[in-house]
Amino acid sequence: MKTRHELQKVFADVRDYQEMVSFFEEIFTPKEIKDLELRWELLKELHAGHTQRKIAASHKISLCKITRGSKILKKPGSITKRLLDACYGKKEE
């Protein structure tokens, strides 16, 4: 089994919240966790209907970082969009 698939399976198998917190802290650096947090925040803001320019300005980042998230949310069958809909309600199309 390839390393990427092993890691995906490990993530899928963790069912306990505190165990996931500990696992994140063990395998990711604080910077990597911050990068993941920012990626999720950008996706949440896009999902909520904020413009890419507003998000870029508020986080002081380039539009390129946000464009990827926008494409993910527009992709048919996006798992990320489904998860955001479940967490925060469906965005009006």
PDB file of N, CA and C in Angstrom:
ATOM      1  N   MET A   1       0.852  -1.191   0.000  1.00  0.00           N
ATOM      2  CA  MET A   1       0.000   0.000   0.000  1.00  0.00           C
ATOM      3  C   MET A   1       0.888   1.241   0.000  1.00  0.00           C
ATOM      4  N   LYS A   2       0.556   2.179  -0.835  1.00  0.00           N
ATOM      5  CA  LYS A   2       1.366   3.390  -0.915  1.00  0.00           C
ATOM      6  C   LYS A   2       1.191   4.232   0.346  1.00  0.00           C
ATOM      7  N   THR A   3       2.201   5.009   0.665  1.00  0.00           N
ATOM      8  CA  THR A   3       2.208   5.812   1.883  1.00  0.00           C
ATOM      9  C   THR A   3       1.006   6.740   1.968  1.00  0.00           C
ATOM     10  N   ARG A   4       0.671   7.395   0.857  1.00  0.00           N
ATOM     11  CA  ARG A   4      -0.471   8.319   0.867  1.00  0.00           C
ATOM     12  C   ARG A   4      -1.755   7.588   1.251  1.00  0.00           C
ATOM     13  N   HIS A   5      -1.964   6.406   0.670  1.00  0.00           N
ATOM     14  CA  HIS A   5      -3.166   5.632   0.970  1.00  0.00           C
ATOM     15  C   HIS A   5      -3.160   5.132   2.413  1.00  0.00           C
ATOM     16  N   GLU A   6      -1.991   4.770   2.908  1.00  0.00           N
ATOM     17  CA  GLU A   6      -1.881   4.362   4.314  1.00  0.00           C
ATOM     18  C   GLU A   6      -2.305   5.513   5.223  1.00  0.00           C
ATOM     19  N   LEU A   7      -1.792   6.691   4.929  1.00  0.00           N
ATOM     20  CA  LEU A   7      -2.108   7.850   5.749  1.00  0.00           C
ATOM     21  C   LEU A   7      -3.607   8.191   5.682  1.00  0.00           C
ATOM     22  N   GLN A   8      -4.174   8.124   4.481  1.00  0.00           N
ATOM     23  CA  GLN A   8      -5.618   8.385   4.338  1.00  0.00           C
ATOM     24  C   GLN A   8      -6.427   7.382   5.156  1.00  0.00           C
ATOM     25  N   LYS A   9      -6.015   6.128   5.148  1.00  0.00           N
ATOM     26  CA  LYS A   9      -6.714   5.113   5.926  1.00  0.00           C
ATOM     27  C   LYS A   9      -6.575   5.377   7.419  1.00  0.00           C
ATOM     28  N   VAL A  10      -5.394   5.771   7.848  1.00  0.00           N
ATOM     29  CA  VAL A  10      -5.187   6.082   9.261  1.00  0.00           C
ATOM     30  C   VAL A  10      -6.121   7.223   9.687  1.00  0.00           C
ATOM     31  N   PHE A  11      -6.201   8.283   8.880  1.00  0.00           N
ATOM     32  CA  PHE A  11      -7.105   9.403   9.196  1.00  0.00           C
ATOM     33  C   PHE A  11      -8.549   8.925   9.259  1.00  0.00           C
ATOM     34  N   ALA A  12      -8.953   8.102   8.303  1.00  0.00           N
ATOM     35  CA  ALA A  12     -10.325   7.619   8.270  1.00  0.00           C
ATOM     36  C   ALA A  12     -10.646   6.720   9.458  1.00  0.00           C
ATOM     37  N   ASP A  13      -9.637   6.019   9.974  1.00  0.00           N
ATOM     38  CA  ASP A  13      -9.860   5.090  11.078  1.00  0.00           C
ATOM     39  C   ASP A  13      -9.932   5.762  12.445  1.00  0.00           C
ATOM     40  N   VAL A  14      -9.409   6.975  12.573  1.00  0.00           N
ATOM     41  CA  VAL A  14      -9.441   7.662  13.867  1.00  0.00           C
ATOM     42  C   VAL A  14     -10.873   8.146  14.110  1.00  0.00           C
ATOM     43  N   ARG A  15     -11.498   7.661  15.162  1.00  0.00           N
ATOM     44  CA  ARG A  15     -12.889   7.998  15.464  1.00  0.00           C
ATOM     45  C   ARG A  15     -13.029   8.912  16.689  1.00  0.00           C
ATOM     46  N   ASP A  16     -11.996   8.966  17.498  1.00  0.00           N
ATOM     47  CA  ASP A  16     -12.052   9.743  18.733  1.00  0.00           C
ATOM     48  C   ASP A  16     -11.458  11.130  18.509  1.00  0.00           C
ATOM     49  N   TYR A  17     -12.215  12.169  18.896  1.00  0.00           N
ATOM     50  CA  TYR A  17     -11.775  13.554  18.687  1.00  0.00           C
ATOM     51  C   TYR A  17     -10.428  13.826  19.354  1.00  0.00           C
ATOM     52  N   GLN A  18     -10.278  13.469  20.627  1.00  0.00           N
ATOM     53  CA  GLN A  18      -9.038  13.759  21.350  1.00  0.00           C
ATOM     54  C   GLN A  18      -7.863  12.999  20.754  1.00  0.00           C
ATOM     55  N   GLU A  19      -8.120  11.795  20.263  1.00  0.00           N
ATOM     56  CA  GLU A  19      -7.070  11.030  19.604  1.00  0.00           C
ATOM     57  C   GLU A  19      -6.622  11.744  18.322  1.00  0.00           C
ATOM     58  N   MET A  20      -7.584  12.320  17.576  1.00  0.00           N
ATOM     59  CA  MET A  20      -7.235  13.064  16.354  1.00  0.00           C
ATOM     60  C   MET A  20      -6.425  14.307  16.707  1.00  0.00           C
ATOM     61  N   VAL A  21      -6.815  15.005  17.776  1.00  0.00           N
ATOM     62  CA  VAL A  21      -6.063  16.186  18.214  1.00  0.00           C
ATOM     63  C   VAL A  21      -4.616  15.793  18.505  1.00  0.00           C
ATOM     64  N   SER A  22      -4.436  14.732  19.261  1.00  0.00           N
ATOM     65  CA  SER A  22      -3.083  14.276  19.608  1.00  0.00           C
ATOM     66  C   SER A  22      -2.313  13.838  18.367  1.00  0.00           C
ATOM     67  N   PHE A  23      -2.982  13.144  17.473  1.00  0.00           N
ATOM     68  CA  PHE A  23      -2.344  12.688  16.239  1.00  0.00           C
ATOM     69  C   PHE A  23      -1.867  13.878  15.414  1.00  0.00           C
ATOM     70  N   PHE A  24      -2.719  14.909  15.255  1.00  0.00           N
ATOM     71  CA  PHE A  24      -2.321  16.128  14.538  1.00  0.00           C
ATOM     72  C   PHE A  24      -1.071  16.732  15.163  1.00  0.00           C
ATOM     73  N   GLU A  25      -1.063  16.856  16.487  1.00  0.00           N
ATOM     74  CA  GLU A  25       0.066  17.483  17.180  1.00  0.00           C
ATOM     75  C   GLU A  25       1.338  16.657  17.055  1.00  0.00           C
ATOM     76  N   GLU A  26       1.183  15.352  16.915  1.00  0.00           N
ATOM     77  CA  GLU A  26       2.360  14.490  16.784  1.00  0.00           C
ATOM     78  C   GLU A  26       2.949  14.513  15.375  1.00  0.00           C
ATOM     79  N   ILE A  27       2.111  14.551  14.349  1.00  0.00           N
ATOM     80  CA  ILE A  27       2.667  14.414  12.999  1.00  0.00           C
ATOM     81  C   ILE A  27       2.819  15.721  12.233  1.00  0.00           C
ATOM     82  N   PHE A  28       2.121  16.777  12.658  1.00  0.00           N
ATOM     83  CA  PHE A  28       2.238  18.067  11.976  1.00  0.00           C
ATOM     84  C   PHE A  28       3.001  19.057  12.840  1.00  0.00           C
ATOM     85  N   THR A  29       3.775  19.912  12.191  1.00  0.00           N
ATOM     86  CA  THR A  29       4.422  21.008  12.912  1.00  0.00           C
ATOM     87  C   THR A  29       3.370  22.078  13.198  1.00  0.00           C
ATOM     88  N   PRO A  30       3.656  22.983  14.145  1.00  0.00           N
ATOM     89  CA  PRO A  30       2.711  24.072  14.382  1.00  0.00           C
ATOM     90  C   PRO A  30       2.419  24.883  13.107  1.00  0.00           C
ATOM     91  N   LYS A  31       3.420  25.092  12.252  1.00  0.00           N
ATOM     92  CA  LYS A  31       3.192  25.833  11.008  1.00  0.00           C
ATOM     93  C   LYS A  31       2.279  25.056  10.063  1.00  0.00           C
ATOM     94  N   GLU A  32       2.483  23.761   9.966  1.00  0.00           N
ATOM     95  CA  GLU A  32       1.623  22.948   9.102  1.00  0.00           C
ATOM     96  C   GLU A  32       0.168  22.992   9.584  1.00  0.00           C
ATOM     97  N   ILE A  33      -0.016  22.956  10.898  1.00  0.00           N
ATOM     98  CA  ILE A  33      -1.376  23.052  11.454  1.00  0.00           C
ATOM     99  C   ILE A  33      -1.973  24.415  11.137  1.00  0.00           C
ATOM    100  N   LYS A  34      -1.182  25.479  11.270  1.00  0.00           N
ATOM    101  CA  LYS A  34      -1.667  26.826  10.931  1.00  0.00           C
ATOM    102  C   LYS A  34      -2.059  26.907   9.459  1.00  0.00           C
ATOM    103  N   ASP A  35      -1.274  26.290   8.581  1.00  0.00           N
ATOM    104  CA  ASP A  35      -1.595  26.278   7.156  1.00  0.00           C
ATOM    105  C   ASP A  35      -2.919  25.554   6.896  1.00  0.00           C
ATOM    106  N   LEU A  36      -3.131  24.431   7.570  1.00  0.00           N
ATOM    107  CA  LEU A  36      -4.403  23.706   7.435  1.00  0.00           C
ATOM    108  C   LEU A  36      -5.567  24.544   7.966  1.00  0.00           C
ATOM    109  N   GLU A  37      -5.344  25.206   9.092  1.00  0.00           N
ATOM    110  CA  GLU A  37      -6.383  26.071   9.659  1.00  0.00           C
ATOM    111  C   GLU A  37      -6.759  27.180   8.686  1.00  0.00           C
ATOM    112  N   LEU A  38      -5.753  27.804   8.069  1.00  0.00           N
ATOM    113  CA  LEU A  38      -6.021  28.876   7.109  1.00  0.00           C
ATOM    114  C   LEU A  38      -6.779  28.329   5.907  1.00  0.00           C
ATOM    115  N   ARG A  39      -6.378  27.173   5.392  1.00  0.00           N
ATOM    116  CA  ARG A  39      -7.065  26.572   4.242  1.00  0.00           C
ATOM    117  C   ARG A  39      -8.533  26.346   4.576  1.00  0.00           C
ATOM    118  N   TRP A  40      -8.814  25.809   5.768  1.00  0.00           N
ATOM    119  CA  TRP A  40     -10.197  25.551   6.161  1.00  0.00           C
ATOM    120  C   TRP A  40     -10.970  26.863   6.346  1.00  0.00           C
ATOM    121  N   GLU A  41     -10.333  27.847   6.924  1.00  0.00           N
ATOM    122  CA  GLU A  41     -10.978  29.160   7.116  1.00  0.00           C
ATOM    123  C   GLU A  41     -11.341  29.774   5.767  1.00  0.00           C
ATOM    124  N   LEU A  42     -10.440  29.707   4.804  1.00  0.00           N
ATOM    125  CA  LEU A  42     -10.723  30.238   3.467  1.00  0.00           C
ATOM    126  C   LEU A  42     -11.916  29.518   2.848  1.00  0.00           C
ATOM    127  N   LEU A  43     -11.949  28.205   2.973  1.00  0.00           N
ATOM    128  CA  LEU A  43     -13.063  27.424   2.433  1.00  0.00           C
ATOM    129  C   LEU A  43     -14.377  27.804   3.113  1.00  0.00           C
ATOM    130  N   LYS A  44     -14.343  27.990   4.418  1.00  0.00           N
ATOM    131  CA  LYS A  44     -15.561  28.397   5.142  1.00  0.00           C
ATOM    132  C   LYS A  44     -16.050  29.758   4.665  1.00  0.00           C
ATOM    133  N   GLU A  45     -15.126  30.696   4.485  1.00  0.00           N
ATOM    134  CA  GLU A  45     -15.510  32.033   4.053  1.00  0.00           C
ATOM    135  C   GLU A  45     -16.045  32.026   2.623  1.00  0.00           C
ATOM    136  N   LEU A  46     -15.427  31.240   1.752  1.00  0.00           N
ATOM    137  CA  LEU A  46     -15.948  31.098   0.388  1.00  0.00           C
ATOM    138  C   LEU A  46     -17.340  30.482   0.420  1.00  0.00           C
ATOM    139  N   HIS A  47     -17.501  29.460   1.213  1.00  0.00           N
ATOM    140  CA  HIS A  47     -18.785  28.775   1.349  1.00  0.00           C
ATOM    141  C   HIS A  47     -19.861  29.733   1.863  1.00  0.00           C
ATOM    142  N   ALA A  48     -19.478  30.639   2.732  1.00  0.00           N
ATOM    143  CA  ALA A  48     -20.428  31.613   3.293  1.00  0.00           C
ATOM    144  C   ALA A  48     -20.766  32.724   2.309  1.00  0.00           C
ATOM    145  N   GLY A  49     -20.068  32.753   1.163  1.00  0.00           N
ATOM    146  CA  GLY A  49     -20.385  33.738   0.141  1.00  0.00           C
ATOM    147  C   GLY A  49     -19.500  34.967   0.116  1.00  0.00           C
ATOM    148  N   HIS A  50     -18.431  34.979   0.902  1.00  0.00           N
ATOM    149  CA  HIS A  50     -17.505  36.110   0.873  1.00  0.00           C
ATOM    150  C   HIS A  50     -16.762  36.127  -0.464  1.00  0.00           C
ATOM    151  N   THR A  51     -16.444  37.292  -0.941  1.00  0.00           N
ATOM    152  CA  THR A  51     -15.711  37.395  -2.207  1.00  0.00           C
ATOM    153  C   THR A  51     -14.245  37.023  -2.000  1.00  0.00           C
ATOM    154  N   GLN A  52     -13.635  36.572  -3.088  1.00  0.00           N
ATOM    155  CA  GLN A  52     -12.219  36.211  -3.023  1.00  0.00           C
ATOM    156  C   GLN A  52     -11.369  37.418  -2.645  1.00  0.00           C
ATOM    157  N   ARG A  53     -11.690  38.578  -3.191  1.00  0.00           N
ATOM    158  CA  ARG A  53     -10.914  39.785  -2.882  1.00  0.00           C
ATOM    159  C   ARG A  53     -11.028  40.165  -1.411  1.00  0.00           C
ATOM    160  N   LYS A  54     -12.222  40.052  -0.841  1.00  0.00           N
ATOM    161  CA  LYS A  54     -12.415  40.371   0.573  1.00  0.00           C
ATOM    162  C   LYS A  54     -11.619  39.407   1.460  1.00  0.00           C
ATOM    163  N   ILE A  55     -11.654  38.136   1.096  1.00  0.00           N
ATOM    164  CA  ILE A  55     -10.914  37.130   1.865  1.00  0.00           C
ATOM    165  C   ILE A  55      -9.416  37.395   1.781  1.00  0.00           C
ATOM    166  N   ALA A  56      -8.928  37.680   0.573  1.00  0.00           N
ATOM    167  CA  ALA A  56      -7.501  37.957   0.369  1.00  0.00           C
ATOM    168  C   ALA A  56      -7.064  39.156   1.205  1.00  0.00           C
ATOM    169  N   ALA A  57      -7.873  40.200   1.199  1.00  0.00           N
ATOM    170  CA  ALA A  57      -7.529  41.404   1.957  1.00  0.00           C
ATOM    171  C   ALA A  57      -7.546  41.142   3.460  1.00  0.00           C
ATOM    172  N   SER A  58      -8.550  40.422   3.938  1.00  0.00           N
ATOM    173  CA  SER A  58      -8.662  40.208   5.385  1.00  0.00           C
ATOM    174  C   SER A  58      -7.560  39.308   5.937  1.00  0.00           C
ATOM    175  N   HIS A  59      -7.053  38.393   5.106  1.00  0.00           N
ATOM    176  CA  HIS A  59      -5.993  37.490   5.561  1.00  0.00           C
ATOM    177  C   HIS A  59      -4.610  37.891   5.050  1.00  0.00           C
ATOM    178  N   LYS A  60      -4.576  38.944   4.227  1.00  0.00           N
ATOM    179  CA  LYS A  60      -3.314  39.424   3.650  1.00  0.00           C
ATOM    180  C   LYS A  60      -2.592  38.308   2.893  1.00  0.00           C
ATOM    181  N   ILE A  61      -3.339  37.667   1.982  1.00  0.00           N
ATOM    182  CA  ILE A  61      -2.786  36.599   1.152  1.00  0.00           C
ATOM    183  C   ILE A  61      -3.161  36.861  -0.306  1.00  0.00           C
ATOM    184  N   SER A  62      -2.521  36.120  -1.210  1.00  0.00           N
ATOM    185  CA  SER A  62      -2.788  36.309  -2.633  1.00  0.00           C
ATOM    186  C   SER A  62      -4.101  35.628  -3.029  1.00  0.00           C
ATOM    187  N   LEU A  63      -4.663  36.124  -4.127  1.00  0.00           N
ATOM    188  CA  LEU A  63      -5.886  35.526  -4.668  1.00  0.00           C
ATOM    189  C   LEU A  63      -5.655  34.079  -5.109  1.00  0.00           C
ATOM    190  N   CYS A  64      -4.429  33.746  -5.476  1.00  0.00           N
ATOM    191  CA  CYS A  64      -4.125  32.385  -5.944  1.00  0.00           C
ATOM    192  C   CYS A  64      -4.481  31.338  -4.899  1.00  0.00           C
ATOM    193  N   LYS A  65      -4.205  31.622  -3.644  1.00  0.00           N
ATOM    194  CA  LYS A  65      -4.513  30.669  -2.578  1.00  0.00           C
ATOM    195  C   LYS A  65      -6.010  30.443  -2.465  1.00  0.00           C
ATOM    196  N   ILE A  66      -6.776  31.473  -2.745  1.00  0.00           N
ATOM    197  CA  ILE A  66      -8.224  31.399  -2.589  1.00  0.00           C
ATOM    198  C   ILE A  66      -8.875  30.770  -3.815  1.00  0.00           C
ATOM    199  N   THR A  67      -8.305  30.998  -4.970  1.00  0.00           N
ATOM    200  CA  THR A  67      -8.876  30.461  -6.206  1.00  0.00           C
ATOM    201  C   THR A  67      -8.968  28.940  -6.152  1.00  0.00           C
ATOM    202  N   ARG A  68      -7.986  28.291  -5.602  1.00  0.00           N
ATOM    203  CA  ARG A  68      -8.016  26.827  -5.492  1.00  0.00           C
ATOM    204  C   ARG A  68      -9.234  26.390  -4.692  1.00  0.00           C
ATOM    205  N   GLY A  69      -9.489  27.050  -3.574  1.00  0.00           N
ATOM    206  CA  GLY A  69     -10.652  26.718  -2.752  1.00  0.00           C
ATOM    207  C   GLY A  69     -11.957  26.952  -3.492  1.00  0.00           C
ATOM    208  N   SER A  70     -12.012  28.026  -4.247  1.00  0.00           N
ATOM    209  CA  SER A  70     -13.210  28.331  -5.020  1.00  0.00           C
ATOM    210  C   SER A  70     -13.493  27.229  -6.039  1.00  0.00           C
ATOM    211  N   LYS A  71     -12.444  26.752  -6.699  1.00  0.00           N
ATOM    212  CA  LYS A  71     -12.603  25.676  -7.679  1.00  0.00           C
ATOM    213  C   LYS A  71     -13.085  24.389  -7.006  1.00  0.00           C
ATOM    214  N   ILE A  72     -12.575  24.121  -5.825  1.00  0.00           N
ATOM    215  CA  ILE A  72     -12.978  22.923  -5.082  1.00  0.00           C
ATOM    216  C   ILE A  72     -14.474  22.972  -4.787  1.00  0.00           C
ATOM    217  N   LEU A  73     -14.956  24.121  -4.341  1.00  0.00           N
ATOM    218  CA  LEU A  73     -16.364  24.233  -3.971  1.00  0.00           C
ATOM    219  C   LEU A  73     -17.300  24.203  -5.183  1.00  0.00           C
ATOM    220  N   LYS A  74     -16.793  24.554  -6.352  1.00  0.00           N
ATOM    221  CA  LYS A  74     -17.612  24.544  -7.574  1.00  0.00           C
ATOM    222  C   LYS A  74     -17.608  23.178  -8.264  1.00  0.00           C
ATOM    223  N   LYS A  75     -16.686  22.322  -7.890  1.00  0.00           N
ATOM    224  CA  LYS A  75     -16.540  21.020  -8.541  1.00  0.00           C
ATOM    225  C   LYS A  75     -17.752  20.135  -8.217  1.00  0.00           C
ATOM    226  N   PRO A  76     -18.379  19.560  -9.248  1.00  0.00           N
ATOM    227  CA  PRO A  76     -19.502  18.657  -8.999  1.00  0.00           C
ATOM    228  C   PRO A  76     -19.077  17.493  -8.104  1.00  0.00           C
ATOM    229  N   GLY A  77     -19.879  17.219  -7.093  1.00  0.00           N
ATOM    230  CA  GLY A  77     -19.585  16.112  -6.183  1.00  0.00           C
ATOM    231  C   GLY A  77     -18.501  16.404  -5.163  1.00  0.00           C
ATOM    232  N   SER A  78     -18.172  17.677  -4.949  1.00  0.00           N
ATOM    233  CA  SER A  78     -17.108  18.055  -4.015  1.00  0.00           C
ATOM    234  C   SER A  78     -17.401  17.553  -2.596  1.00  0.00           C
ATOM    235  N   ILE A  79     -16.488  16.747  -2.071  1.00  0.00           N
ATOM    236  CA  ILE A  79     -16.599  16.268  -0.691  1.00  0.00           C
ATOM    237  C   ILE A  79     -16.479  17.444   0.270  1.00  0.00           C
ATOM    238  N   THR A  80     -15.581  18.361  -0.044  1.00  0.00           N
ATOM    239  CA  THR A  80     -15.379  19.531   0.813  1.00  0.00           C
ATOM    240  C   THR A  80     -16.666  20.338   0.932  1.00  0.00           C
ATOM    241  N   LYS A  81     -17.349  20.564  -0.191  1.00  0.00           N
ATOM    242  CA  LYS A  81     -18.605  21.311  -0.160  1.00  0.00           C
ATOM    243  C   LYS A  81     -19.652  20.555   0.658  1.00  0.00           C
ATOM    244  N   ARG A  82     -19.710  19.253   0.465  1.00  0.00           N
ATOM    245  CA  ARG A  82     -20.667  18.444   1.235  1.00  0.00           C
ATOM    246  C   ARG A  82     -20.404  18.552   2.736  1.00  0.00           C
ATOM    247  N   LEU A  83     -19.136  18.507   3.121  1.00  0.00           N
ATOM    248  CA  LEU A  83     -18.782  18.630   4.541  1.00  0.00           C
ATOM    249  C   LEU A  83     -19.129  20.019   5.085  1.00  0.00           C
ATOM    250  N   LEU A  84     -18.840  21.048   4.305  1.00  0.00           N
ATOM    251  CA  LEU A  84     -19.183  22.412   4.731  1.00  0.00           C
ATOM    252  C   LEU A  84     -20.690  22.591   4.827  1.00  0.00           C
ATOM    253  N   ASP A  85     -21.434  22.038   3.868  1.00  0.00           N
ATOM    254  CA  ASP A  85     -22.893  22.098   3.936  1.00  0.00           C
ATOM    255  C   ASP A  85     -23.401  21.440   5.219  1.00  0.00           C
ATOM    256  N   ALA A  86     -22.817  20.301   5.563  1.00  0.00           N
ATOM    257  CA  ALA A  86     -23.231  19.574   6.762  1.00  0.00           C
ATOM    258  C   ALA A  86     -22.889  20.348   8.036  1.00  0.00           C
ATOM    259  N   CYS A  87     -21.737  20.999   8.047  1.00  0.00           N
ATOM    260  CA  CYS A  87     -21.288  21.738   9.240  1.00  0.00           C
ATOM    261  C   CYS A  87     -21.979  23.088   9.396  1.00  0.00           C
ATOM    262  N   TYR A  88     -22.178  23.784   8.274  1.00  0.00           N
ATOM    263  CA  TYR A  88     -22.611  25.189   8.327  1.00  0.00           C
ATOM    264  C   TYR A  88     -23.886  25.468   7.559  1.00  0.00           C
ATOM    265  N   GLY A  89     -24.528  24.443   7.039  1.00  0.00           N
ATOM    266  CA  GLY A  89     -25.744  24.643   6.255  1.00  0.00           C
ATOM    267  C   GLY A  89     -25.408  24.890   4.808  1.00  0.00           C
ATOM    268  N   LYS A  90     -26.352  24.551   3.970  1.00  0.00           N
ATOM    269  CA  LYS A  90     -26.141  24.734   2.524  1.00  0.00           C
ATOM    270  C   LYS A  90     -26.138  26.201   2.167  1.00  0.00           C
ATOM    271  N   LYS A  91     -25.220  26.549   1.306  1.00  0.00           N
ATOM    272  CA  LYS A  91     -25.140  27.912   0.779  1.00  0.00           C
ATOM    273  C   LYS A  91     -26.161  28.046  -0.337  1.00  0.00           C
ATOM    274  N   GLU A  92     -26.846  29.173  -0.356  1.00  0.00           N
ATOM    275  CA  GLU A  92     -27.798  29.448  -1.440  1.00  0.00           C
ATOM    276  C   GLU A  92     -27.024  29.543  -2.745  1.00  0.00           C
ATOM    277  N   GLU A  93     -27.462  28.820  -3.761  1.00  0.00           N
ATOM    278  CA  GLU A  93     -26.784  28.852  -5.063  1.00  0.00           C
ATOM    279  C   GLU A  93     -27.251  30.019  -5.882  1.00  0.00           C
TER     280      GLU A  93
END
